[in-house]
Amino acid sequence: MTHQLSIIIPTFNECKTIHLILDKLQKVKLLEDFQKEIIIVNDCSDDNTEEVVLAYIKKNPLLNIQYFKHPVNMGKGAALHTGIQKATGEYLIVQDADLEYDPEEFNLLLKPLLSGHADVVFGSRFMGGKPHRVMFFWHTVGNKFLTLLSNLFTDLNLTDMETCYKMFKTQIIKGLSLREKRFGFEPEVTAKISRIPNIRIYEVGISYYGRTYDEGKKIGWKDGFRAIYCILKYGLLKL
């Protein structure tokens, strides 16, 4: 492992925002001079995401970006599996390409890891004094319900199981056998992390700049039912 943070960006049709999130990542200065390893996994986008990414890499040769592309669309979870497999950093985090999360807050999650207190850190959209865009009532209720249901099976007291920002010691997440190819990744990884003996899980408050469905948000009610299924699957059956 090198002294760096692996940042996995799963992408599907994000040509309008991928360069913006890369600009943000380029400006971030991590604690203790950690270096950034940016791993972009294009899940067979049918827009010009690939063209935008390759142009960005060519224009910014000093930025450590690795680019991979799936030959067919396999789902966000599958893109994350590819990224986890390719990661070489000491720590690992997922960064969506849609600008809903601010990479300037990586250090909030990194601090408990570097201080030796944590093995995994969740960034919660529902705690702390960071700014949050006021969004849909039922979407918030759904997120909190999924977190409560997950907590019942994991015996954790998380406030935001579905958060994108989960920072791991890379060796820990590489040691998990992850199966979910689409939006079941969050409940599956939470359930499997919770079963590791003596695992130390922390939670910190983060900002959230949510998108509406008109602005390109992809998660819908069907993904909520899939999350419930995965919570029960990995919580009850412990697969």
C-alpha atoms as a PDB file:
ATOM      1  CA  MET A   1       0.000   0.000   0.000  1.00  0.00           C
ATOM      2  CA  THR A   2       1.189   3.537  -0.766  1.00  0.00           C
ATOM      3  CA  HIS A   3       0.551   6.632   1.365  1.00  0.00           C
ATOM      4  CA  GLN A   4      -2.499   7.689  -0.603  1.00  0.00           C
ATOM      5  CA  LEU A   5      -6.282   7.796  -0.692  1.00  0.00           C
ATOM      6  CA  SER A   6      -8.010   5.853  -3.479  1.00  0.00           C
ATOM      7  CA  ILE A   7     -11.062   7.755  -4.753  1.00  0.00           C
ATOM      8  CA  ILE A   8     -13.450   5.611  -6.788  1.00  0.00           C
ATOM      9  CA  ILE A   9     -15.797   7.445  -9.165  1.00  0.00           C
ATOM     10  CA  PRO A  10     -18.461   5.197 -10.733  1.00  0.00           C
ATOM     11  CA  THR A  11     -19.878   6.963 -13.767  1.00  0.00           C
ATOM     12  CA  PHE A  12     -22.843   6.474 -16.047  1.00  0.00           C
ATOM     13  CA  ASN A  13     -23.828   9.326 -18.364  1.00  0.00           C
ATOM     14  CA  GLU A  14     -22.125  12.030 -16.286  1.00  0.00           C
ATOM     15  CA  CYS A  15     -20.517  14.002 -19.117  1.00  0.00           C
ATOM     16  CA  LYS A  16     -21.983  17.282 -17.810  1.00  0.00           C
ATOM     17  CA  THR A  17     -20.469  17.035 -14.328  1.00  0.00           C
ATOM     18  CA  ILE A  18     -17.494  14.622 -14.367  1.00  0.00           C
ATOM     19  CA  HIS A  19     -14.989  17.384 -15.250  1.00  0.00           C
ATOM     20  CA  LEU A  20     -16.388  19.562 -12.455  1.00  0.00           C
ATOM     21  CA  ILE A  21     -15.906  16.910  -9.788  1.00  0.00           C
ATOM     22  CA  LEU A  22     -12.395  16.257 -11.096  1.00  0.00           C
ATOM     23  CA  ASP A  23     -11.646  19.979 -10.771  1.00  0.00           C
ATOM     24  CA  LYS A  24     -12.811  19.818  -7.155  1.00  0.00           C
ATOM     25  CA  LEU A  25     -10.708  16.746  -6.448  1.00  0.00           C
ATOM     26  CA  GLN A  26      -7.648  18.374  -7.958  1.00  0.00           C
ATOM     27  CA  LYS A  27      -7.942  21.297  -5.509  1.00  0.00           C
ATOM     28  CA  VAL A  28      -8.345  19.150  -2.375  1.00  0.00           C
ATOM     29  CA  LYS A  29      -5.318  19.034  -0.079  1.00  0.00           C
ATOM     30  CA  LEU A  30      -5.467  15.963   2.142  1.00  0.00           C
ATOM     31  CA  LEU A  31      -4.200  15.663   5.698  1.00  0.00           C
ATOM     32  CA  GLU A  32      -0.602  14.587   6.233  1.00  0.00           C
ATOM     33  CA  ASP A  33       0.149  15.185   2.542  1.00  0.00           C
ATOM     34  CA  PHE A  34      -1.778  12.097   1.460  1.00  0.00           C
ATOM     35  CA  GLN A  35      -1.730  11.675  -2.298  1.00  0.00           C
ATOM     36  CA  LYS A  36      -4.846  11.048  -4.377  1.00  0.00           C
ATOM     37  CA  GLU A  37      -5.411   8.034  -6.610  1.00  0.00           C
ATOM     38  CA  ILE A  38      -8.504   8.743  -8.708  1.00  0.00           C
ATOM     39  CA  ILE A  39     -10.122   5.655 -10.238  1.00  0.00           C
ATOM     40  CA  ILE A  40     -12.884   6.359 -12.759  1.00  0.00           C
ATOM     41  CA  VAL A  41     -15.020   3.386 -13.769  1.00  0.00           C
ATOM     42  CA  ASN A  42     -17.275   4.144 -16.738  1.00  0.00           C
ATOM     43  CA  ASP A  43     -20.228   1.752 -16.624  1.00  0.00           C
ATOM     44  CA  CYS A  44     -20.735   1.794 -20.410  1.00  0.00           C
ATOM     45  CA  SER A  45     -22.142   5.318 -20.662  1.00  0.00           C
ATOM     46  CA  ASP A  46     -23.992   6.086 -23.878  1.00  0.00           C
ATOM     47  CA  ASP A  47     -23.199   9.811 -23.813  1.00  0.00           C
ATOM     48  CA  ASN A  48     -19.728  11.352 -24.288  1.00  0.00           C
ATOM     49  CA  THR A  49     -18.515  10.724 -20.720  1.00  0.00           C
ATOM     50  CA  GLU A  50     -15.507   8.802 -22.042  1.00  0.00           C
ATOM     51  CA  GLU A  51     -14.516  11.612 -24.390  1.00  0.00           C
ATOM     52  CA  VAL A  52     -14.699  14.168 -21.567  1.00  0.00           C
ATOM     53  CA  VAL A  53     -12.665  11.992 -19.176  1.00  0.00           C
ATOM     54  CA  LEU A  54      -9.930  11.181 -21.680  1.00  0.00           C
ATOM     55  CA  ALA A  55      -9.629  14.850 -22.640  1.00  0.00           C
ATOM     56  CA  TYR A  56      -9.343  15.773 -18.969  1.00  0.00           C
ATOM     57  CA  ILE A  57      -6.620  13.176 -18.368  1.00  0.00           C
ATOM     58  CA  LYS A  58      -4.667  14.482 -21.373  1.00  0.00           C
ATOM     59  CA  LYS A  59      -4.969  18.068 -20.129  1.00  0.00           C
ATOM     60  CA  ASN A  60      -3.966  17.167 -16.533  1.00  0.00           C
ATOM     61  CA  PRO A  61      -1.137  14.620 -16.836  1.00  0.00           C
ATOM     62  CA  LEU A  62       0.145  15.227 -13.284  1.00  0.00           C
ATOM     63  CA  LEU A  63      -3.173  14.191 -11.710  1.00  0.00           C
ATOM     64  CA  ASN A  64      -3.131  10.474 -10.878  1.00  0.00           C
ATOM     65  CA  ILE A  65      -6.227   9.273 -12.758  1.00  0.00           C
ATOM     66  CA  GLN A  66      -6.851   5.678 -13.764  1.00  0.00           C
ATOM     67  CA  TYR A  67      -9.661   5.084 -16.234  1.00  0.00           C
ATOM     68  CA  PHE A  68     -11.572   1.833 -16.768  1.00  0.00           C
ATOM     69  CA  LYS A  69     -14.656   1.061 -18.840  1.00  0.00           C
ATOM     70  CA  HIS A  70     -17.170  -1.765 -18.665  1.00  0.00           C
ATOM     71  CA  PRO A  71     -18.065  -3.236 -22.087  1.00  0.00           C
ATOM     72  CA  VAL A  72     -21.725  -3.449 -21.041  1.00  0.00           C
ATOM     73  CA  ASN A  73     -23.763  -1.633 -18.407  1.00  0.00           C
ATOM     74  CA  MET A  74     -23.476  -3.668 -15.194  1.00  0.00           C
ATOM     75  CA  GLY A  75     -24.644  -1.257 -12.497  1.00  0.00           C
ATOM     76  CA  LYS A  76     -23.113   1.073  -9.919  1.00  0.00           C
ATOM     77  CA  GLY A  77     -22.209  -1.766  -7.570  1.00  0.00           C
ATOM     78  CA  ALA A  78     -20.295  -3.542 -10.331  1.00  0.00           C
ATOM     79  CA  ALA A  79     -18.409  -0.325 -11.100  1.00  0.00           C
ATOM     80  CA  LEU A  80     -17.479  -0.073  -7.434  1.00  0.00           C
ATOM     81  CA  HIS A  81     -16.275  -3.690  -7.434  1.00  0.00           C
ATOM     82  CA  THR A  82     -13.945  -2.849 -10.326  1.00  0.00           C
ATOM     83  CA  GLY A  83     -12.679   0.258  -8.560  1.00  0.00           C
ATOM     84  CA  ILE A  84     -12.066  -1.562  -5.275  1.00  0.00           C
ATOM     85  CA  GLN A  85     -10.144  -4.261  -7.098  1.00  0.00           C
ATOM     86  CA  LYS A  86      -7.897  -1.666  -8.778  1.00  0.00           C
ATOM     87  CA  ALA A  87      -7.289   0.489  -5.681  1.00  0.00           C
ATOM     88  CA  THR A  88      -3.767   0.650  -4.254  1.00  0.00           C
ATOM     89  CA  GLY A  89      -4.171   3.386  -1.607  1.00  0.00           C
ATOM     90  CA  GLU A  90      -4.057   2.867   2.137  1.00  0.00           C
ATOM     91  CA  TYR A  91      -7.623   4.210   2.428  1.00  0.00           C
ATOM     92  CA  LEU A  92     -10.542   4.214   0.000  1.00  0.00           C
ATOM     93  CA  ILE A  93     -13.659   6.319  -0.548  1.00  0.00           C
ATOM     94  CA  VAL A  94     -16.423   6.484  -3.163  1.00  0.00           C
ATOM     95  CA  GLN A  95     -17.114   9.817  -4.874  1.00  0.00           C
ATOM     96  CA  ASP A  96     -20.200  10.149  -7.054  1.00  0.00           C
ATOM     97  CA  ALA A  97     -19.782  12.319 -10.144  1.00  0.00           C
ATOM     98  CA  ASP A  98     -23.011  14.276  -9.632  1.00  0.00           C
ATOM     99  CA  LEU A  99     -21.745  17.070  -7.301  1.00  0.00           C
ATOM    100  CA  GLU A 100     -24.066  16.089  -4.426  1.00  0.00           C
ATOM    101  CA  TYR A 101     -21.086  15.521  -2.104  1.00  0.00           C
ATOM    102  CA  ASP A 102     -18.151  17.875  -1.504  1.00  0.00           C
ATOM    103  CA  PRO A 103     -14.672  16.268  -1.644  1.00  0.00           C
ATOM    104  CA  GLU A 104     -13.317  19.175   0.416  1.00  0.00           C
ATOM    105  CA  GLU A 105     -14.789  17.213   3.341  1.00  0.00           C
ATOM    106  CA  PHE A 106     -12.628  14.117   2.788  1.00  0.00           C
ATOM    107  CA  ASN A 107     -10.449  15.254   5.676  1.00  0.00           C
ATOM    108  CA  LEU A 108     -13.429  15.063   8.060  1.00  0.00           C
ATOM    109  CA  LEU A 109     -13.607  11.337   7.359  1.00  0.00           C
ATOM    110  CA  LEU A 110      -9.857  10.838   7.120  1.00  0.00           C
ATOM    111  CA  LYS A 111      -9.092  12.315  10.544  1.00  0.00           C
ATOM    112  CA  PRO A 112     -10.521   9.472  12.720  1.00  0.00           C
ATOM    113  CA  LEU A 113      -8.637   6.952  10.555  1.00  0.00           C
ATOM    114  CA  LEU A 114      -5.311   8.749  10.750  1.00  0.00           C
ATOM    115  CA  SER A 115      -5.665   9.251  14.509  1.00  0.00           C
ATOM    116  CA  GLY A 116      -5.993   5.484  14.937  1.00  0.00           C
ATOM    117  CA  HIS A 117      -9.547   5.565  16.281  1.00  0.00           C
ATOM    118  CA  ALA A 118     -11.463   4.150  13.305  1.00  0.00           C
ATOM    119  CA  ASP A 119     -11.346   1.460  10.634  1.00  0.00           C
ATOM    120  CA  VAL A 120     -14.378   2.768   8.711  1.00  0.00           C
ATOM    121  CA  VAL A 121     -15.933   6.251   8.735  1.00  0.00           C
ATOM    122  CA  PHE A 122     -19.438   7.069   7.454  1.00  0.00           C
ATOM    123  CA  GLY A 123     -20.272  10.613   6.370  1.00  0.00           C
ATOM    124  CA  SER A 124     -23.787  11.393   7.583  1.00  0.00           C
ATOM    125  CA  ARG A 125     -26.087  13.832   5.819  1.00  0.00           C
ATOM    126  CA  PHE A 126     -28.362  13.877   8.880  1.00  0.00           C
ATOM    127  CA  MET A 127     -26.020  15.007  11.651  1.00  0.00           C
ATOM    128  CA  GLY A 128     -23.804  18.003  12.328  1.00  0.00           C
ATOM    129  CA  GLY A 129     -24.054  21.623  11.234  1.00  0.00           C
ATOM    130  CA  LYS A 130     -23.008  21.331   7.592  1.00  0.00           C
ATOM    131  CA  PRO A 131     -25.220  22.811   4.821  1.00  0.00           C
ATOM    132  CA  HIS A 132     -27.905  20.588   3.309  1.00  0.00           C
ATOM    133  CA  ARG A 133     -30.168  21.351   0.406  1.00  0.00           C
ATOM    134  CA  VAL A 134     -33.829  21.104   1.459  1.00  0.00           C
ATOM    135  CA  MET A 135     -35.196  18.216  -0.576  1.00  0.00           C
ATOM    136  CA  PHE A 136     -38.113  15.791  -0.790  1.00  0.00           C
ATOM    137  CA  PHE A 137     -39.833  14.850   2.481  1.00  0.00           C
ATOM    138  CA  TRP A 138     -40.548  11.241   1.504  1.00  0.00           C
ATOM    139  CA  HIS A 139     -37.051  10.737   0.163  1.00  0.00           C
ATOM    140  CA  THR A 140     -35.698  11.715   3.592  1.00  0.00           C
ATOM    141  CA  VAL A 141     -38.210   9.468   5.350  1.00  0.00           C
ATOM    142  CA  GLY A 142     -37.197   6.600   3.070  1.00  0.00           C
ATOM    143  CA  ASN A 143     -33.501   7.091   3.825  1.00  0.00           C
ATOM    144  CA  LYS A 144     -34.115   7.182   7.562  1.00  0.00           C
ATOM    145  CA  PHE A 145     -36.340   4.107   7.389  1.00  0.00           C
ATOM    146  CA  LEU A 146     -33.681   2.147   5.486  1.00  0.00           C
ATOM    147  CA  THR A 147     -31.066   3.191   8.041  1.00  0.00           C
ATOM    148  CA  LEU A 148     -33.315   2.132  10.925  1.00  0.00           C
ATOM    149  CA  LEU A 149     -34.034  -1.227   9.301  1.00  0.00           C
ATOM    150  CA  SER A 150     -30.341  -1.773   8.630  1.00  0.00           C
ATOM    151  CA  ASN A 151     -29.472  -0.867  12.226  1.00  0.00           C
ATOM    152  CA  LEU A 152     -31.934  -3.473  13.515  1.00  0.00           C
ATOM    153  CA  PHE A 153     -29.900  -6.233  11.840  1.00  0.00           C
ATOM    154  CA  THR A 154     -26.393  -4.793  12.225  1.00  0.00           C
ATOM    155  CA  ASP A 155     -26.803  -3.547  15.825  1.00  0.00           C
ATOM    156  CA  LEU A 156     -25.222  -0.243  14.768  1.00  0.00           C
ATOM    157  CA  ASN A 157     -26.576   3.231  15.566  1.00  0.00           C
ATOM    158  CA  LEU A 158     -25.861   4.883  12.227  1.00  0.00           C
ATOM    159  CA  THR A 159     -27.856   7.917  11.142  1.00  0.00           C
ATOM    160  CA  ASP A 160     -27.216   7.533   7.390  1.00  0.00           C
ATOM    161  CA  MET A 161     -26.557   4.027   6.071  1.00  0.00           C
ATOM    162  CA  GLU A 162     -27.264   5.053   2.458  1.00  0.00           C
ATOM    163  CA  THR A 163     -24.603   7.777   2.353  1.00  0.00           C
ATOM    164  CA  CYS A 164     -22.187   7.719  -0.578  1.00  0.00           C
ATOM    165  CA  TYR A 165     -19.307   8.831   1.660  1.00  0.00           C
ATOM    166  CA  LYS A 166     -17.921   5.765   3.399  1.00  0.00           C
ATOM    167  CA  MET A 167     -14.159   5.757   3.927  1.00  0.00           C
ATOM    168  CA  PHE A 168     -12.475   2.404   4.540  1.00  0.00           C
ATOM    169  CA  LYS A 169      -9.090   1.006   5.273  1.00  0.00           C
ATOM    170  CA  THR A 170      -8.576  -0.487   1.828  1.00  0.00           C
ATOM    171  CA  GLN A 171      -7.444  -3.882   3.085  1.00  0.00           C
ATOM    172  CA  ILE A 172     -10.732  -4.221   4.975  1.00  0.00           C
ATOM    173  CA  ILE A 173     -13.066  -3.602   2.031  1.00  0.00           C
ATOM    174  CA  LYS A 174     -10.871  -5.691  -0.270  1.00  0.00           C
ATOM    175  CA  GLY A 175     -11.375  -8.552   2.191  1.00  0.00           C
ATOM    176  CA  LEU A 176     -15.168  -8.520   1.751  1.00  0.00           C
ATOM    177  CA  SER A 177     -16.981 -10.745  -0.721  1.00  0.00           C
ATOM    178  CA  LEU A 178     -19.346  -8.194  -2.307  1.00  0.00           C
ATOM    179  CA  ARG A 179     -22.123  -9.383  -4.611  1.00  0.00           C
ATOM    180  CA  GLU A 180     -24.533  -6.535  -5.322  1.00  0.00           C
ATOM    181  CA  LYS A 181     -24.119  -5.153  -8.835  1.00  0.00           C
ATOM    182  CA  ARG A 182     -26.508  -2.224  -8.655  1.00  0.00           C
ATOM    183  CA  PHE A 183     -27.900  -0.064  -5.833  1.00  0.00           C
ATOM    184  CA  GLY A 184     -27.715  -2.762  -3.155  1.00  0.00           C
ATOM    185  CA  PHE A 185     -24.069  -1.929  -2.468  1.00  0.00           C
ATOM    186  CA  GLU A 186     -24.722   0.322   0.557  1.00  0.00           C
ATOM    187  CA  PRO A 187     -26.789  -2.092   2.700  1.00  0.00           C
ATOM    188  CA  GLU A 188     -24.590  -5.039   1.700  1.00  0.00           C
ATOM    189  CA  VAL A 189     -21.285  -3.390   2.577  1.00  0.00           C
ATOM    190  CA  THR A 190     -22.749  -2.010   5.823  1.00  0.00           C
ATOM    191  CA  ALA A 191     -24.013  -5.446   6.878  1.00  0.00           C
ATOM    192  CA  LYS A 192     -20.735  -7.162   6.060  1.00  0.00           C
ATOM    193  CA  ILE A 193     -18.576  -4.493   7.696  1.00  0.00           C
ATOM    194  CA  SER A 194     -20.661  -4.740  10.882  1.00  0.00           C
ATOM    195  CA  ARG A 195     -19.867  -8.455  11.222  1.00  0.00           C
ATOM    196  CA  ILE A 196     -16.089  -7.993  11.287  1.00  0.00           C
ATOM    197  CA  PRO A 197     -14.858  -8.719  14.848  1.00  0.00           C
ATOM    198  CA  ASN A 198     -13.781  -5.590  16.747  1.00  0.00           C
ATOM    199  CA  ILE A 199     -14.429  -3.301  13.789  1.00  0.00           C
ATOM    200  CA  ARG A 200     -14.363   0.385  14.746  1.00  0.00           C
ATOM    201  CA  ILE A 201     -16.972   2.398  12.829  1.00  0.00           C
ATOM    202  CA  TYR A 202     -17.241   6.176  13.207  1.00  0.00           C
ATOM    203  CA  GLU A 203     -19.690   8.694  11.771  1.00  0.00           C
ATOM    204  CA  VAL A 204     -19.136  12.396  10.979  1.00  0.00           C
ATOM    205  CA  GLY A 205     -21.505  15.065   9.698  1.00  0.00           C
ATOM    206  CA  ILE A 206     -21.111  16.142   6.061  1.00  0.00           C
ATOM    207  CA  SER A 207     -22.756  18.548   3.625  1.00  0.00           C
ATOM    208  CA  TYR A 208     -25.261  17.464   0.996  1.00  0.00           C
ATOM    209  CA  TYR A 209     -26.083  19.300  -2.230  1.00  0.00           C
ATOM    210  CA  GLY A 210     -28.812  17.011  -3.520  1.00  0.00           C
ATOM    211  CA  ARG A 211     -30.114  16.922  -7.084  1.00  0.00           C
ATOM    212  CA  THR A 212     -33.743  16.695  -8.152  1.00  0.00           C
ATOM    213  CA  TYR A 213     -34.885  14.063 -10.650  1.00  0.00           C
ATOM    214  CA  ASP A 214     -35.107  16.794 -13.299  1.00  0.00           C
ATOM    215  CA  GLU A 215     -31.448  17.571 -12.588  1.00  0.00           C
ATOM    216  CA  GLY A 216     -30.453  13.956 -13.172  1.00  0.00           C
ATOM    217  CA  LYS A 217     -30.940  12.097  -9.887  1.00  0.00           C
ATOM    218  CA  LYS A 218     -31.065   8.395 -10.749  1.00  0.00           C
ATOM    219  CA  ILE A 219     -32.292   6.659  -7.566  1.00  0.00           C
ATOM    220  CA  GLY A 220     -36.038   5.956  -7.387  1.00  0.00           C
ATOM    221  CA  TRP A 221     -38.585   3.964  -5.406  1.00  0.00           C
ATOM    222  CA  LYS A 222     -37.556   0.670  -7.041  1.00  0.00           C
ATOM    223  CA  ASP A 223     -34.059   1.137  -5.617  1.00  0.00           C
ATOM    224  CA  GLY A 224     -35.631   1.607  -2.188  1.00  0.00           C
ATOM    225  CA  PHE A 225     -37.342  -1.777  -2.421  1.00  0.00           C
ATOM    226  CA  ARG A 226     -34.078  -3.335  -3.579  1.00  0.00           C
ATOM    227  CA  ALA A 227     -32.352  -1.833  -0.545  1.00  0.00           C
ATOM    228  CA  ILE A 228     -34.985  -3.380   1.756  1.00  0.00           C
ATOM    229  CA  TYR A 229     -34.450  -6.747   0.075  1.00  0.00           C
ATOM    230  CA  CYS A 230     -30.673  -6.466   0.539  1.00  0.00           C
ATOM    231  CA  ILE A 231     -31.008  -5.445   4.188  1.00  0.00           C
ATOM    232  CA  LEU A 232     -33.091  -8.541   4.843  1.00  0.00           C
ATOM    233  CA  LYS A 233     -30.897 -10.743   2.649  1.00  0.00           C
ATOM    234  CA  TYR A 234     -27.590  -9.813   4.243  1.00  0.00           C
ATOM    235  CA  GLY A 235     -29.033  -9.150   7.693  1.00  0.00           C
ATOM    236  CA  LEU A 236     -31.147 -12.280   8.157  1.00  0.00           C
ATOM    237  CA  LEU A 237     -29.298 -14.788   5.999  1.00  0.00           C
ATOM    238  CA  LYS A 238     -25.860 -13.256   6.685  1.00  0.00           C
ATOM    239  CA  LEU A 239     -24.625 -14.138   3.193  1.00  0.00           C
END
